[in-house]
Protein backbone atom coordinates (compact mmCIF):
# COMPACT_ATOMS: atom_id res chain seq x y z
CA UNK A 1 80.87 0.04 20.58
CA UNK A 2 80.07 1.33 24.08
CA UNK A 3 76.44 2.09 23.23
CA UNK A 4 75.83 -0.98 21.07
CA UNK A 5 73.32 -3.25 22.76
CA UNK A 6 74.62 -6.77 23.31
CA UNK A 7 72.77 -9.97 24.12
CA UNK A 8 73.68 -13.63 23.87
CA UNK A 9 71.56 -15.64 21.48
CA UNK A 10 70.87 -18.08 24.34
CA UNK A 11 69.03 -15.21 26.09
CA UNK A 12 66.88 -14.75 23.01
CA UNK A 13 66.12 -18.47 23.13
CA UNK A 14 64.98 -18.20 26.75
CA UNK A 15 62.76 -15.21 25.94
CA UNK A 16 61.29 -17.03 22.98
CA UNK A 17 60.40 -20.04 25.12
CA UNK A 18 58.60 -17.88 27.67
CA UNK A 19 56.61 -16.16 24.92
CA UNK A 20 55.66 -19.51 23.39
CA UNK A 21 54.67 -20.86 26.78
CA UNK A 22 52.21 -18.02 27.22
CA UNK A 23 50.56 -18.68 23.87
CA UNK A 24 50.73 -22.46 23.54
CA UNK A 25 49.82 -24.94 26.26
CA UNK A 26 51.50 -27.78 24.34
CA UNK A 27 54.99 -26.32 24.78
CA UNK A 28 57.15 -28.21 27.28
CA UNK A 29 60.84 -27.67 27.97
CA UNK A 30 63.45 -30.25 28.93
CA UNK A 31 66.94 -29.53 30.19
CA UNK A 32 70.02 -31.56 31.13
CA UNK A 33 70.75 -29.86 34.46
CA UNK A 34 71.87 -26.67 32.68
CA UNK A 35 68.80 -24.44 32.93
CA UNK A 36 70.83 -21.47 34.14
CA UNK A 37 73.26 -21.70 31.24
CA UNK A 38 70.83 -22.56 28.44
CA UNK A 39 68.38 -19.92 29.76
CA UNK A 40 65.51 -22.39 29.97
CA UNK A 41 65.40 -21.30 33.60
CA UNK A 42 63.30 -18.38 32.36
CA UNK A 43 60.65 -20.85 31.23
CA UNK A 44 60.98 -22.90 34.43
CA UNK A 45 60.25 -19.82 36.52
CA UNK A 46 57.18 -18.90 34.48
CA UNK A 47 55.83 -22.42 33.90
CA UNK A 48 57.36 -24.81 36.46
CA UNK A 49 54.86 -27.57 35.70
CA UNK A 50 56.02 -27.69 32.07
CA UNK A 51 59.77 -27.70 32.68
CA UNK A 52 61.61 -30.98 33.28
CA UNK A 53 65.19 -31.39 34.42
CA UNK A 54 66.33 -34.69 32.94
CA UNK A 55 69.73 -34.54 34.60
CA UNK A 56 73.10 -35.02 32.93
CA UNK A 57 71.72 -37.63 30.53
CA UNK A 58 71.24 -36.04 27.13
CA UNK A 59 70.52 -39.28 25.30
CA UNK A 60 67.71 -40.09 27.70
CA UNK A 61 66.42 -36.50 27.46
CA UNK A 62 66.09 -36.81 23.67
CA UNK A 63 64.19 -40.09 24.08
CA UNK A 64 61.86 -38.43 26.59
CA UNK A 65 61.36 -35.55 24.14
CA UNK A 66 60.49 -38.06 21.42
CA UNK A 67 57.87 -39.64 23.67
CA UNK A 68 56.36 -36.27 24.54
CA UNK A 69 56.18 -35.32 20.85
CA UNK A 70 54.53 -38.66 20.03
CA UNK A 71 51.94 -37.79 22.70
CA UNK A 72 51.04 -34.54 20.95
CA UNK A 73 53.18 -32.07 22.91
CA UNK A 74 55.88 -29.79 21.47
CA UNK A 75 59.08 -30.35 23.44
CA UNK A 76 62.15 -28.11 23.37
CA UNK A 77 65.09 -30.21 24.60
CA UNK A 78 68.05 -28.10 25.70
CA UNK A 79 71.72 -28.62 26.53
CA UNK A 80 75.16 -27.47 25.42
CA UNK A 81 75.74 -27.99 21.69
CA UNK A 82 78.54 -30.49 22.30
CA UNK A 83 76.26 -32.75 24.31
CA UNK A 84 72.96 -32.09 22.51
CA UNK A 85 74.37 -32.93 19.09
CA UNK A 86 77.30 -35.19 19.98
CA UNK A 87 76.45 -37.27 23.02
CA UNK A 88 72.82 -37.69 21.98
CA UNK A 89 73.32 -38.13 18.23
CA UNK A 90 72.06 -41.72 18.06
CA UNK A 91 68.87 -40.95 19.97
CA UNK A 92 68.26 -37.85 17.83
CA UNK A 93 68.78 -39.82 14.63
CA UNK A 94 66.74 -42.89 15.50
CA UNK A 95 64.12 -41.60 17.96
CA UNK A 96 63.50 -38.10 16.55
CA UNK A 97 64.79 -37.89 12.98
CA UNK A 98 63.73 -41.30 11.66
CA UNK A 99 60.07 -40.97 12.78
CA UNK A 100 60.16 -37.22 11.93
CA UNK A 101 58.87 -36.22 15.36
CA UNK A 102 58.07 -32.63 16.27
CA UNK A 103 61.02 -32.10 18.64
CA UNK A 104 62.98 -28.85 18.86
CA UNK A 105 66.58 -29.07 20.07
CA UNK A 106 67.93 -25.94 21.73
CA UNK A 107 71.74 -26.18 21.76
CA UNK A 108 73.59 -23.40 23.54
CA UNK A 109 77.31 -22.71 23.99
CA UNK A 110 78.10 -23.59 20.38
CA UNK A 111 81.39 -22.82 18.66
CA UNK A 112 84.71 -21.36 19.79
CA UNK A 113 83.14 -18.49 21.73
CA UNK A 114 82.64 -20.62 24.85
CA UNK A 115 86.22 -19.48 25.40
CA UNK A 116 87.59 -20.68 28.71
CA UNK A 117 85.57 -23.92 28.57
CA UNK A 118 88.18 -25.15 26.09
CA UNK A 119 88.30 -27.73 23.32
CA UNK A 120 86.08 -30.29 25.06
CA UNK A 121 83.16 -27.85 24.96
CA UNK A 122 83.96 -25.85 21.80
CA UNK A 123 81.53 -27.65 19.51
CA UNK A 124 82.35 -26.96 15.88
CA UNK A 125 80.91 -30.16 14.47
CA UNK A 126 77.20 -29.81 15.23
CA UNK A 127 76.09 -28.31 11.90
CA UNK A 128 77.67 -31.27 10.12
CA UNK A 129 76.07 -33.82 12.45
CA UNK A 130 72.59 -32.32 12.35
CA UNK A 131 72.67 -31.58 8.59
CA UNK A 132 73.28 -35.27 7.99
CA UNK A 133 69.94 -36.26 9.55
CA UNK A 134 67.16 -36.37 6.92
CA UNK A 135 64.43 -33.81 7.54
CA UNK A 136 66.32 -31.93 10.26
CA UNK A 137 66.16 -28.13 10.03
CA UNK A 138 69.39 -26.46 11.21
CA UNK A 139 69.42 -22.83 12.37
CA UNK A 140 72.12 -20.57 13.86
CA UNK A 141 70.73 -17.08 14.67
CA UNK A 142 72.96 -14.02 14.43
CA UNK A 143 71.77 -12.02 17.45
CA UNK A 144 69.43 -12.22 20.44
CA UNK A 145 66.41 -10.72 18.69
CA UNK A 146 66.75 -13.15 15.79
CA UNK A 147 67.20 -16.06 18.22
CA UNK A 148 63.89 -15.23 19.89
CA UNK A 149 62.17 -15.01 16.51
CA UNK A 150 63.81 -18.25 15.32
CA UNK A 151 62.61 -20.06 18.45
CA UNK A 152 59.04 -19.02 17.65
CA UNK A 153 59.50 -20.05 14.00
CA UNK A 154 60.80 -23.44 15.15
CA UNK A 155 57.54 -23.98 17.02
CA UNK A 156 55.49 -23.20 13.91
CA UNK A 157 57.50 -25.67 11.83
CA UNK A 158 56.19 -29.23 12.06
CA UNK A 159 59.16 -31.55 12.36
CA UNK A 160 62.57 -31.69 14.03
CA UNK A 161 64.59 -28.48 14.37
CA UNK A 162 68.11 -27.89 15.67
CA UNK A 163 68.66 -24.37 17.05
CA UNK A 164 72.28 -23.46 17.82
CA UNK A 165 72.88 -20.57 20.23
CA UNK A 166 76.01 -18.99 21.72
CA UNK A 167 77.23 -18.18 25.20
CA UNK A 168 78.86 -14.86 24.29
CA UNK A 169 76.89 -11.61 24.34
CA UNK A 170 77.02 -10.21 20.80
CA UNK A 171 75.80 -6.95 19.23
CA UNK A 172 72.09 -6.76 18.45
CA UNK A 173 71.32 -5.37 14.99
CA UNK A 174 67.80 -6.68 14.38
CA UNK A 175 64.83 -4.59 15.46
CA UNK A 176 62.39 -5.91 18.05
CA UNK A 177 59.53 -7.67 16.34
CA UNK A 178 61.76 -9.12 13.59
CA UNK A 179 60.02 -11.96 11.78
CA UNK A 180 62.12 -15.04 11.08
CA UNK A 181 61.40 -17.29 8.11
CA UNK A 182 63.02 -20.72 8.01
CA UNK A 183 65.03 -21.22 4.82
CA UNK A 184 65.31 -17.55 3.90
CA UNK A 185 68.54 -15.55 3.95
CA UNK A 186 68.72 -11.84 4.68
CA UNK A 187 70.63 -9.17 2.75
CA UNK A 188 72.35 -6.98 5.35
CA UNK A 189 74.39 -4.86 2.92
CA UNK A 190 74.29 -4.66 -0.87
CA UNK A 191 77.24 -4.84 -3.23
CA UNK A 192 78.36 -6.64 -6.38
CA UNK A 193 82.14 -7.08 -6.06
CA UNK A 194 81.97 -10.06 -3.72
CA UNK A 195 79.36 -11.77 -1.54
CA UNK A 196 80.03 -12.65 2.10
CA UNK A 197 77.59 -15.24 3.43
CA UNK A 198 77.68 -15.72 7.20
CA UNK A 199 75.70 -16.99 10.16
CA UNK A 200 75.79 -16.75 13.95
CA UNK A 201 78.13 -14.20 15.48
CA UNK A 202 80.05 -14.05 12.20
CA UNK A 203 77.25 -11.99 10.64
CA UNK A 204 78.12 -8.91 12.67
CA UNK A 205 81.80 -9.45 11.88
CA UNK A 206 80.91 -9.66 8.18
CA UNK A 207 78.90 -6.43 8.41
CA UNK A 208 81.89 -4.68 10.00
CA UNK A 209 84.18 -6.14 7.34
CA UNK A 210 81.82 -4.85 4.66
CA UNK A 211 82.17 -1.30 5.99
CA UNK A 212 85.97 -1.53 5.97
CA UNK A 213 86.02 -3.02 2.49
CA UNK A 214 83.81 -0.20 1.18
CA UNK A 215 86.48 2.28 2.28
CA UNK A 216 88.94 0.32 0.12
CA UNK A 217 86.66 0.45 -2.91
CA UNK A 218 85.33 -3.11 -2.57
CA UNK A 219 81.55 -3.28 -2.39
CA UNK A 220 80.67 -6.48 -0.57
CA UNK A 221 77.19 -7.94 -0.38
CA UNK A 222 76.63 -9.22 3.17
CA UNK A 223 74.18 -12.08 3.68
CA UNK A 224 72.84 -13.43 6.96
CA UNK A 225 72.25 -17.12 6.25
CA UNK A 226 70.93 -18.24 9.65
CA UNK A 227 69.21 -21.30 8.22
CA UNK A 228 71.91 -23.73 7.15
CA UNK A 229 69.39 -26.41 6.22
CA UNK A 230 67.32 -25.85 4.18
CA UNK A 231 69.72 -23.42 2.49
CA UNK A 232 68.30 -20.41 0.68
CA UNK A 233 69.55 -21.68 -2.68
CA UNK A 234 67.81 -18.95 -4.65
CA UNK A 235 69.72 -16.23 -2.75
CA UNK A 236 73.03 -18.12 -2.97
CA UNK A 237 72.59 -18.49 -6.74
CA UNK A 238 71.73 -14.79 -7.08
CA UNK A 239 74.92 -13.88 -5.20
CA UNK A 240 76.98 -16.19 -7.38
CA UNK A 241 75.62 -14.74 -10.62
CA UNK A 242 75.77 -11.08 -9.58
CA UNK A 243 78.99 -11.05 -7.50
CA UNK A 244 81.08 -13.81 -9.05
CA UNK A 245 82.99 -14.56 -5.84
CA UNK A 246 81.73 -15.77 -2.46
CA UNK A 247 83.21 -15.98 1.03
CA UNK A 248 81.42 -18.02 3.70
CA UNK A 249 81.93 -17.30 7.39
CA UNK A 250 80.90 -19.51 10.30
CA UNK A 251 81.85 -20.36 13.87
CA UNK A 252 82.07 -24.00 12.88
CA UNK A 253 84.44 -26.38 11.14
CA UNK A 254 84.89 -25.76 7.42
CA UNK A 255 83.93 -29.43 7.14
CA UNK A 256 80.19 -30.04 6.96
CA UNK A 257 78.84 -26.59 7.76
CA UNK A 258 77.56 -23.50 5.94
CA UNK A 259 80.56 -23.24 3.62
CA UNK A 260 80.26 -26.83 2.54
CA UNK A 261 76.51 -26.44 1.97
CA UNK A 262 77.11 -23.41 -0.26
CA UNK A 263 79.93 -25.14 -2.16
CA UNK A 264 77.95 -28.34 -2.67
CA UNK A 265 75.00 -26.46 -4.09
CA UNK A 266 77.05 -24.22 -6.40
CA UNK A 267 79.27 -27.00 -7.70
CA UNK A 268 76.21 -28.70 -9.19
CA UNK A 269 74.34 -25.62 -10.37
CA UNK A 270 76.64 -22.65 -11.02
CA UNK A 271 80.34 -23.29 -10.29
CA UNK A 272 81.69 -20.22 -8.51
CA UNK A 273 84.98 -19.43 -6.69
CA UNK A 274 84.36 -19.75 -2.93
CA UNK A 275 86.63 -19.23 0.07
CA UNK A 276 85.52 -20.62 3.42
CA UNK A 277 86.30 -18.94 6.74
CA UNK A 278 85.80 -21.23 9.71
CA UNK A 279 87.73 -23.63 11.90
CA UNK A 280 90.24 -25.47 9.73
CA UNK A 281 90.02 -29.10 10.86
CA UNK A 282 91.53 -28.52 14.30
CA UNK A 283 90.55 -28.40 17.95
CA UNK A 284 90.37 -25.21 19.97
CA UNK A 285 91.98 -24.15 23.21
CA UNK A 286 90.99 -22.43 26.43
CA UNK A 287 91.09 -18.64 26.56
CA UNK A 288 88.99 -15.45 26.56
CA UNK A 289 86.35 -15.75 23.85
CA UNK A 290 87.51 -12.72 21.87
CA UNK A 291 91.11 -13.91 21.78
CA UNK A 292 90.13 -17.43 20.76
CA UNK A 293 87.94 -16.15 17.93
CA UNK A 294 90.73 -13.92 16.60
CA UNK A 295 93.24 -16.76 16.82
CA UNK A 296 91.07 -18.79 14.46
CA UNK A 297 90.41 -15.89 12.10
CA UNK A 298 86.77 -15.56 13.13
CA UNK A 299 86.78 -11.77 13.06
CA UNK A 300 86.18 -8.81 10.75
CA UNK A 301 89.87 -8.10 10.14
CA UNK A 302 90.51 -11.59 8.80
CA UNK A 303 87.44 -11.40 6.55
CA UNK A 304 88.83 -8.13 5.14
CA UNK A 305 92.20 -9.72 4.39
CA UNK A 306 90.63 -12.73 2.67
CA UNK A 307 88.32 -10.48 0.63
CA UNK A 308 91.17 -8.16 -0.43
CA UNK A 309 93.25 -11.09 -1.61
CA UNK A 310 90.26 -12.69 -3.34
CA UNK A 311 89.50 -9.47 -5.19
CA UNK A 312 93.15 -8.88 -6.08
CA UNK A 313 93.43 -5.64 -4.12
């Protein structure tokens, strides 16, 4: 692991904003007094006249973003996931979602991996909240390179987009120049014994689990499903038909996230046994990110145990 490059997805978001700013004069960035943490400070340094600090007032920031979008600009409104999705939900729903405005929401510090920030900041409900808004695209990139590409793809999409990034530096496994397509999953490892569908930092953990399972004679198909909405239903159905069993993995509650999206789709089209790995309807606690993730089973070793049991090994 010593020579594995690591980068937080929030850094990829910041890089993506700077690249967009250079190419598109309509890009403006808003932040809720967290530019250093969300990495929008990169954009502020390069394009200070197009960066606006709205202060600790996320609801107002989303309303400002709506106004800018209605004026023909493309705003990226940024804050921590807990505040971007939770505190500002009503403004997002009514001022952005309802009129289908072209606002991009950059939410950093999502999930349990904010570690020491504790339960008040460990947002594991944002997928559920944002999926419930009609027309909202929901994305959770797996590494920094993909986050940069997803930020650029969000710009190209006309309509509201929720981008969830993490605080923790995670291994980079995508090559520079990776092209992100909204609504398309990515096969990271092939196999037909079981399919493991993951997003965010859980993708790398799933890849590692796949390697360990292969040594045990279980060939797992690993899928990076960074777009939670719209779900790549074609790929999910293919996994169900060819593998017969599916595990979903996400740094989010098992309620309302990737696992629920997969289960809802399959229950109506091709009923398939599914086990969901995520946060089981409970709050987190303060501690080093790695320890917190392991405590909630958000790691390769737990995926291996679930897969072994599921496959009867």
